[in-house]
Protein backbone atom coordinates (compact mmCIF):
# COMPACT_ATOMS: atom_id res chain seq x y z
CA MET A 1 -31.13 199.01 36.92
CA THR A 2 -32.56 198.15 40.59
CA GLY A 3 -32.11 194.64 40.15
CA LEU A 4 -28.44 194.72 39.42
CA ALA A 5 -27.91 197.68 41.88
CA VAL A 6 -29.26 195.04 44.46
CA MET A 7 -27.33 192.25 43.25
CA TRP A 8 -24.63 193.82 43.54
CA GLY A 9 -25.17 194.92 46.85
CA VAL A 10 -25.44 191.32 48.06
CA LEU A 11 -22.07 190.62 46.31
CA THR A 12 -20.45 193.14 47.92
CA VAL A 13 -21.98 191.73 51.75
CA VAL A 14 -20.91 188.16 50.43
CA VAL A 15 -17.21 189.36 49.56
CA ILE A 16 -16.74 191.58 52.61
CA GLY A 17 -18.31 188.68 54.69
CA LEU A 18 -15.60 185.77 53.52
CA LEU A 19 -12.72 188.68 54.02
CA LEU A 20 -13.40 189.07 57.35
CA ASN A 21 -13.69 185.22 58.39
CA TYR A 22 -10.28 184.75 56.59
CA LEU A 23 -9.28 187.27 58.72
CA PHE A 24 -10.26 186.74 62.23
CA PRO A 25 -11.50 182.93 61.66
CA SER A 26 -13.13 181.00 65.18
CA ASP A 27 -11.20 178.73 67.51
CA ASP A 28 -12.23 175.67 65.76
CA GLU A 29 -12.11 176.69 62.07
CA ALA A 30 -7.99 178.19 63.52
CA GLN A 31 -7.63 174.86 64.90
CA ALA A 32 -8.85 172.91 61.66
CA GLN A 33 -7.07 175.34 59.13
CA PRO A 34 -3.88 173.83 57.70
CA ILE A 35 -0.69 176.29 57.61
CA ARG A 36 0.98 177.06 54.66
CA VAL A 37 4.21 177.49 54.49
CA SER A 38 6.13 179.77 51.67
CA PRO A 39 9.29 178.24 50.07
CA GLY A 40 11.95 179.83 52.49
CA ARG A 41 10.21 181.09 55.24
CA GLU A 42 9.65 179.04 58.90
CA LYS A 43 6.68 177.27 59.59
CA GLU A 44 4.26 179.84 61.46
CA LYS A 45 3.12 179.06 64.75
CA PRO A 46 -0.96 178.93 65.39
CA LEU A 47 -1.71 181.91 67.42
CA TYR A 48 -3.52 179.44 69.82
CA PRO A 49 -1.31 176.81 70.75
CA SER A 50 -2.31 172.92 70.71
CA PRO A 51 -2.85 170.96 74.13
CA LYS A 52 0.01 168.69 73.21
CA ASP A 53 2.53 171.55 73.18
CA ASN A 54 1.64 171.76 77.28
CA ARG A 55 2.93 168.32 78.07
CA PRO A 56 4.74 167.78 81.32
CA ASP A 57 7.68 165.90 80.04
CA LEU A 58 8.31 168.96 77.82
CA GLU A 59 8.94 171.11 81.11
CA PRO A 60 12.53 171.36 82.50
CA GLU A 61 12.71 168.96 85.11
CA PRO A 62 13.32 170.82 88.63
CA GLU A 63 16.61 170.75 90.06
CA PRO A 64 17.29 168.43 93.28
CA GLU A 65 17.37 170.13 96.68
CA PRO A 66 20.39 170.02 98.21
CA GLU A 67 21.14 168.08 100.94
CA PRO A 68 20.51 170.09 104.06
CA GLU A 69 23.79 170.47 106.69
CA PRO A 70 23.65 168.30 110.04
CA GLN A 71 22.51 170.51 112.94
CA ALA A 72 23.45 168.12 115.19
CA LEU A 73 26.11 165.83 116.21
CA GLU A 74 25.47 162.30 114.73
CA PHE A 75 27.06 159.09 115.16
CA ARG A 76 27.16 155.71 113.19
CA LEU A 77 29.08 152.28 113.21
CA SER A 78 30.70 150.35 110.04
CA ASN A 79 32.45 147.55 109.04
CA LYS A 80 35.60 146.53 106.75
CA TRP A 81 37.83 144.36 106.15
CA ASP A 82 41.46 145.77 107.00
CA ASP A 83 43.82 144.12 104.65
CA GLU A 84 47.36 145.40 107.25
CA GLU A 85 45.38 143.57 110.32
CA ARG A 86 43.61 140.71 107.57
CA SER A 87 40.92 141.13 109.48
CA HIS A 88 37.14 143.02 109.99
CA VAL A 89 37.12 145.92 112.01
CA VAL A 90 34.25 148.44 113.16
CA LEU A 91 34.88 152.08 113.05
CA VAL A 92 32.84 154.32 115.19
CA GLN A 93 32.35 157.75 113.27
CA PHE A 94 30.99 160.99 113.86
CA ARG A 95 29.53 164.25 111.97
CA GLY A 96 27.55 167.36 112.81
CA VAL A 97 27.70 170.19 114.45
CA LEU A 98 29.74 170.29 118.10
CA GLN A 99 28.89 173.02 120.61
CA ASN A 100 31.66 173.44 123.02
CA PRO A 101 30.35 176.79 124.87
CA THR A 102 33.25 177.26 127.15
CA GLY A 103 36.07 176.18 124.50
CA GLY A 104 38.89 174.06 125.71
CA GLN A 105 39.68 170.56 125.08
CA VAL A 106 36.71 167.53 124.53
CA TYR A 107 36.54 163.31 124.56
CA ILE A 108 34.36 160.88 123.20
CA ASN A 109 33.59 158.02 126.08
CA ILE A 110 32.21 154.77 123.78
CA GLU A 111 30.66 151.84 125.16
CA LEU A 112 29.46 149.06 123.10
CA HIS A 113 26.75 146.42 123.63
CA ALA A 114 24.91 143.45 121.50
CA GLY A 115 22.13 141.61 120.93
CA ASP A 116 18.61 141.89 122.01
CA PRO A 117 17.86 142.56 124.62
CA GLU A 118 21.12 144.70 125.07
CA ARG A 119 23.87 143.19 127.07
CA PRO A 120 27.36 144.53 127.39
CA VAL A 121 30.36 143.58 124.98
CA ILE A 122 33.75 142.37 126.53
CA SER A 123 37.10 143.28 125.09
CA LEU A 124 39.42 140.83 124.67
CA VAL A 125 41.95 143.92 124.16
CA SER A 126 42.56 145.82 127.57
CA ALA A 127 42.98 149.16 126.18
CA PHE A 128 39.28 149.06 125.64
CA THR A 129 38.45 148.25 129.17
CA THR A 130 38.92 150.16 132.19
CA GLU A 131 40.89 148.97 135.30
CA GLU A 132 37.48 148.06 137.30
CA SER A 133 35.73 145.87 134.06
CA SER A 134 36.31 143.98 130.97
CA PHE A 135 33.06 145.32 129.35
CA PHE A 136 33.94 147.30 126.27
CA GLU A 137 34.67 151.05 127.23
CA PHE A 138 37.02 154.18 125.41
CA ASN A 139 37.56 157.35 126.01
CA THR A 140 39.38 158.78 122.89
CA PRO A 141 42.38 161.40 123.15
CA PRO A 142 41.18 164.70 123.91
CA PHE A 143 40.96 167.10 120.80
CA THR A 144 39.89 170.81 120.86
CA PRO A 145 37.54 172.06 118.44
CA PRO A 146 38.16 174.95 116.27
CA ASP A 147 35.33 176.99 117.64
CA VAL A 148 32.41 177.31 120.22
CA LYS A 149 30.33 175.42 117.26
CA THR A 150 32.00 173.47 114.55
CA LEU A 151 30.77 171.64 111.88
CA TYR A 152 32.51 168.28 110.23
CA GLU A 153 30.58 168.12 107.44
CA ASP A 154 32.65 165.02 106.78
CA TRP A 155 32.55 161.48 108.19
CA LEU A 156 35.54 161.59 111.06
CA THR A 157 36.38 158.30 112.71
CA ALA A 158 36.95 157.99 116.79
CA LEU A 159 37.78 154.50 117.22
CA THR A 160 38.89 151.62 114.80
CA VAL A 161 37.98 148.33 116.96
CA PRO A 162 38.73 144.62 115.81
CA VAL A 163 36.17 142.14 115.61
CA GLY A 164 37.61 139.13 116.87
CA ALA A 165 38.82 141.77 120.00
CA LEU A 166 34.98 141.60 121.18
CA VAL A 167 33.06 139.12 122.73
CA ALA A 168 29.01 138.92 123.32
CA ALA A 169 26.85 137.35 125.84
CA THR A 170 26.46 134.92 123.06
CA ALA A 171 28.39 133.56 119.70
CA GLY A 172 26.50 134.00 116.46
CA ASN A 173 25.62 137.35 114.16
CA GLN A 174 24.72 140.20 116.36
CA THR A 175 23.24 143.64 116.12
CA LEU A 176 26.00 145.89 117.61
CA HIS A 177 25.41 149.15 119.96
CA ALA A 178 27.35 151.87 120.03
CA LYS A 179 26.95 154.34 122.71
CA ALA A 180 28.56 157.62 122.82
CA TRP A 181 29.11 160.48 125.30
CA VAL A 182 30.77 163.92 124.92
CA PHE A 183 32.57 165.44 127.31
CA GLY A 184 33.67 169.21 127.96
CA THR A 185 35.23 170.74 130.74
CA GLY A 186 33.47 168.84 133.41
CA GLU A 187 30.27 168.96 131.34
CA LEU A 188 28.44 166.38 128.78
CA LEU A 189 28.08 168.27 125.46
CA ASP A 190 26.21 165.59 124.15
CA SER A 191 25.01 162.44 123.84
CA SER A 192 24.16 159.74 120.81
CA GLU A 193 23.34 156.21 119.56
CA CYS A 194 23.59 154.03 117.03
CA ARG A 195 23.80 150.29 115.84
CA LEU A 196 25.03 148.23 113.25
CA GLU A 197 23.27 144.59 112.54
CA ASN A 198 24.67 141.57 111.41
CA VAL A 199 28.56 141.93 112.45
CA PRO A 200 29.64 138.54 113.29
CA LEU A 201 30.74 137.81 116.89
CA GLU A 202 31.95 134.59 116.61
CA ARG A 203 33.79 133.95 119.46
CA ILE A 204 31.85 132.02 122.74
CA GLY A 205 29.46 134.50 124.51
CA TRP A 206 30.48 135.48 128.06
CA LEU A 207 26.77 134.30 129.35
CA GLU A 208 27.52 131.17 127.25
CA ARG A 209 31.23 130.60 128.78
CA THR A 210 30.09 131.08 132.15
CA GLU A 211 26.71 128.60 131.77
CA ASN A 212 29.40 126.30 130.35
CA GLU A 213 31.97 127.05 132.98
CA GLN A 214 29.27 125.56 135.49
CA GLU A 215 28.23 123.05 133.81
CA LEU A 216 32.19 121.60 133.27
CA GLN A 217 32.92 122.26 136.99
CA ARG A 218 30.19 119.75 137.48
CA LEU A 219 30.64 116.92 134.89
CA THR A 220 34.59 117.30 136.10
CA ILE A 221 33.29 116.35 139.82
CA GLU A 222 30.85 113.70 138.89
CA LEU A 223 33.82 112.22 136.86
CA ALA A 224 36.35 112.24 139.30
CA MET A 225 34.11 110.86 142.01
CA SER A 226 33.06 108.02 139.70
CA LEU A 227 36.86 107.20 139.35
CA SER A 228 37.86 107.16 142.54
CA ALA A 229 34.62 104.59 143.22
CA VAL A 230 35.96 102.71 139.82
CA ASP A 231 37.64 99.93 142.40
CA GLY A 232 34.85 99.81 144.64
CA GLU A 233 35.92 101.98 147.13
CA ILE A 234 36.25 106.14 147.92
CA ASP A 235 39.16 106.19 149.09
CA LYS A 236 39.72 109.37 151.62
CA ARG A 237 43.06 110.53 149.87
CA GLU A 238 41.27 110.37 146.89
CA LYS A 239 38.41 112.79 147.97
CA SER A 240 40.83 114.98 148.96
CA ILE A 241 42.32 115.27 145.81
CA ILE A 242 38.53 116.50 144.49
CA GLN A 243 37.98 118.91 147.64
CA SER A 244 41.41 120.61 146.69
CA PHE A 245 40.27 120.71 142.81
CA CYS A 246 36.27 122.38 143.94
CA ARG A 247 38.82 124.58 146.36
CA ARG A 248 40.82 126.04 143.62
CA GLU A 249 37.46 126.39 141.67
CA ILE A 250 35.89 128.40 144.24
CA ALA A 251 38.88 130.47 144.81
CA ARG A 252 39.22 131.67 140.76
CA TYR A 253 35.83 133.65 141.27
CA LYS A 254 35.87 137.43 143.22
CA PRO A 255 35.77 137.14 146.57
CA GLU A 256 32.20 138.80 146.76
CA PHE A 257 31.02 135.72 144.39
CA GLN A 258 33.06 133.01 146.02
CA SER A 259 30.23 132.35 148.97
CA ASP A 260 27.78 131.88 146.54
CA HIS A 261 30.05 129.68 143.87
CA LYS A 262 30.93 127.93 147.59
CA ASP A 263 27.14 126.57 148.02
CA ARG A 264 26.82 125.79 144.51
CA ILE A 265 29.91 123.45 143.99
CA ASN A 266 29.56 121.45 147.66
CA GLN A 267 25.92 120.32 146.60
CA ILE A 268 27.43 119.26 143.05
CA LEU A 269 30.30 117.52 145.41
CA LYS A 270 27.15 116.39 147.56
CA ASN A 271 25.36 114.72 144.85
CA SER A 272 28.37 113.48 143.03
CA LEU A 273 29.51 111.16 145.85
CA GLN A 274 25.93 109.60 146.05
CA GLN A 275 25.97 109.04 142.85
CA ALA A 276 29.35 107.18 142.72
CA ARG A 277 28.57 105.06 145.98
CA THR A 278 25.22 103.44 144.48
CA ALA A 279 26.60 103.18 141.17
CA GLN A 280 24.37 105.84 139.41
CA SER A 281 26.33 108.29 137.67
CA ASN A 282 26.27 107.62 133.80
CA ILE A 283 29.83 108.13 132.69
CA PRO A 284 29.29 107.77 129.10
CA LEU A 285 27.04 110.99 129.07
CA VAL A 286 29.31 112.43 131.54
CA LEU A 287 31.79 112.38 129.13
CA ASP A 288 29.73 113.60 126.04
CA GLY A 289 29.09 116.39 128.10
CA ILE A 290 32.81 117.05 128.75
CA VAL A 291 33.67 116.77 124.97
CA ARG A 292 30.83 119.10 123.68
CA ILE A 293 32.16 121.97 125.76
CA ALA A 294 35.27 121.36 126.62
CA ASP A 295 38.55 123.00 125.04
CA HIS A 296 41.49 120.58 124.07
CA GLY A 297 43.48 122.36 127.25
CA GLU A 298 40.32 122.01 129.45
CA ARG A 299 40.25 118.01 128.49
CA LEU A 300 43.79 117.32 129.40
CA SER A 301 43.48 119.30 132.69
CA ILE A 302 40.25 117.22 133.32
CA LEU A 303 42.48 113.77 132.66
CA GLU A 304 45.22 115.37 134.93
CA LEU A 305 42.64 115.47 137.41
CA CYS A 306 41.59 111.97 137.07
CA MET A 307 45.31 110.82 136.92
CA ASP A 308 45.51 112.47 140.42
CA VAL A 309 42.43 111.01 141.65
CA VAL A 310 43.85 106.96 140.61
CA GLY A 311 47.47 107.75 142.33
CA ALA A 312 46.31 109.43 145.73
CA ASP A 313 46.46 106.10 147.33
CA GLY A 314 49.54 105.08 146.37
CA ARG A 315 48.86 102.45 143.77
CA VAL A 316 47.41 101.78 140.51
CA ASP A 317 45.94 98.94 139.04
CA TYR A 318 45.08 97.45 136.12
CA THR A 319 41.35 98.94 136.50
CA GLU A 320 41.89 102.23 136.78
CA THR A 321 44.90 102.35 134.36
CA LYS A 322 41.68 101.00 131.89
CA PHE A 323 39.88 103.24 132.96
CA LEU A 324 41.91 105.86 132.28
CA GLU A 325 43.12 104.42 128.76
CA GLY A 326 39.28 104.45 127.67
CA LEU A 327 39.53 107.80 128.92
CA ARG A 328 42.08 109.43 127.07
CA GLU A 329 40.25 107.96 124.13
CA ARG A 330 37.11 109.60 124.73
CA LEU A 331 38.43 112.86 125.26
CA GLU A 332 40.65 112.57 122.31
CA ILE A 333 44.08 112.96 123.92
CA SER A 334 46.88 111.63 121.80
CA ALA A 335 48.92 108.97 123.28
CA GLU A 336 52.24 110.59 123.18
CA GLU A 337 50.19 113.12 125.45
CA TYR A 338 48.85 110.71 128.27
CA ARG A 339 51.98 108.51 128.32
CA SER A 340 54.08 112.46 129.51
CA VAL A 341 50.68 113.65 131.75
CA PHE A 342 50.89 110.14 133.30
CA GLY A 343 54.19 109.71 134.08
CA GLN A 344 54.11 113.42 135.43
CA ARG A 345 51.19 112.40 137.74
CA ILE A 346 51.38 109.27 138.76
CA GLY A 347 53.49 110.30 142.05
CA ALA A 348 57.33 108.35 142.35
CA ASN A 349 55.78 106.78 145.15
CA THR A 350 52.83 104.90 143.42
CA GLU A 351 52.72 101.67 142.68
CA GLN A 352 52.30 100.35 139.37
CA ASP A 353 52.06 96.59 137.95
CA ALA A 354 53.68 95.42 135.10
CA GLU A 355 50.34 94.75 133.87
CA SER A 356 49.20 98.35 134.31
CA LEU A 357 52.37 99.72 133.17
CA ARG A 358 52.18 97.76 129.76
CA SER A 359 48.50 99.44 129.29
CA MET A 360 50.15 102.91 129.99
CA LEU A 361 52.17 102.52 127.31
CA GLY A 362 49.86 101.31 124.86
CA ILE A 363 51.81 97.35 124.87
CA LYS A 364 49.28 95.11 122.78
CA ALA A 365 49.71 91.28 123.27
CA ASN A 366 49.90 90.75 120.16
CA MET A 367 52.78 93.30 118.92
CA SER A 368 56.25 92.09 117.94
CA ASN A 369 59.39 92.09 119.95
CA GLU A 370 60.47 94.82 117.82
CA ALA A 371 57.63 97.22 118.13
CA ILE A 372 57.54 96.66 122.55
CA ARG A 373 61.68 97.21 122.41
CA LYS A 374 60.52 100.55 120.41
CA ILE A 375 58.44 101.88 122.93
CA ILE A 376 59.95 101.37 126.14
CA MET A 377 63.23 102.49 124.48
CA GLU A 378 61.09 106.19 123.58
CA GLU A 379 59.51 105.99 126.94
CA SER A 380 63.02 105.37 129.14
CA ARG A 381 64.73 108.13 126.70
CA VAL A 382 62.40 110.78 128.15
CA TRP A 383 62.95 109.92 131.87
CA LEU A 384 66.90 109.62 131.47
CA GLY A 385 66.74 112.70 130.22
CA LEU A 386 65.38 114.10 133.84
CA LEU A 387 67.59 111.92 136.14
CA GLY A 388 69.39 115.13 136.14
CA SER A 389 67.52 116.89 137.23
CA SER A 390 68.13 120.01 139.69
CA ASN A 391 64.49 119.16 141.25
CA ALA A 392 64.71 116.64 143.69
CA GLU A 393 60.89 115.29 143.39
CA ARG A 394 61.61 114.82 139.39
CA ARG A 395 64.86 112.74 139.64
CA ALA A 396 63.22 110.20 141.90
CA LYS A 397 60.35 109.89 139.61
CA ALA A 398 62.23 109.50 136.61
CA ASP A 399 64.53 106.70 139.01
CA GLN A 400 61.61 104.54 139.39
CA ARG A 401 60.08 104.90 136.12
CA VAL A 402 63.65 103.93 134.34
CA ALA A 403 64.25 101.24 137.29
CA MET A 404 60.57 100.07 136.42
CA LEU A 405 60.73 100.46 132.11
CA ALA A 406 63.94 97.84 132.53
CA LYS A 407 62.29 95.34 134.44
CA LEU A 408 59.38 95.42 132.03
CA LYS A 409 62.20 95.33 129.25
CA LYS A 410 63.48 92.43 131.23
CA ASP A 411 60.17 90.25 132.07
CA LEU A 412 58.81 91.31 127.98
CA CYS A 413 62.53 89.44 127.28
CA VAL A 414 62.92 91.80 124.58
């Protein structure tokens, strides 16, 4: 009986232990214990969630922070294609808080610079310049902010500038800098700077043009002086023509700069005269330099100066005419332009032999009579039209030229 009681007691303890272990499992056992799902019931969640249930990607993404409101006035540069103007334009824009303590109207003063180092930009549009300078400077029309502290949330355009109207110090893609000052009633309210890279400022730069201008003056004087000596001597009248050209070039500069340019040009004149007397001037090299930096109008002006030099002594010989012909071809001046300029620049009292006239007209030895007759008739038609001119000098020149052409036609039997 006693053994049966002991067995019964042990069995009771074991059952109670199993029941407690089932009702209150340990952590490891709880994770390993399979979850039983009864039919029709939802899956029960474990008392202690697994670490994988806390994965970061299951957490909601944080909302983006709102963009802070601008606290100060700021400017920016941007460019775009203007369909109406068919050109690229640069926009100067601003936004932010504009402080205007005294109220009233305000305006924005804008300057443009370009390059590294920064140099002022020239405007070809007078509306973007001042009376004192051609450098870019613009004042916007006055406007009145609604409050003493006004927030402009969106970008507003203060100025639109055509890119083609801007000339930097040097040509090419430039970094454009804008400097802006905001003025109120007699005081500076704010200022800012901004930049825009790779702006195509393709016009020849004003610094390059200045350098080219002085080099072109040197080349022109050297060429004209060499031409005056092509017949073996430098006539005083020919030298006087070149000196008059130099005086005109000096007069183009502002009075305060003329003294410096006069010294520079006089030195060029002195050197060119010495080179012409000693036949040291390299004419092909001079012409290469002129073609490289001079536009068509400048080359035509140089040709006119050379014709003035040729006709200054009152005669034009075959050697000088051939020199002018070669000059015309190298400067890429058309034969029609050449004949027109030749007729106008060589004075009515200038003597010109038949050989020189034939060279000027482009008459070759192997041409047919019909081709020669056509050239003479076309040239005569131009001068016949000037016989009725109200200008006495022009009438005299036309009368002489018509007579010369008639004689040439007769001499050539065409």
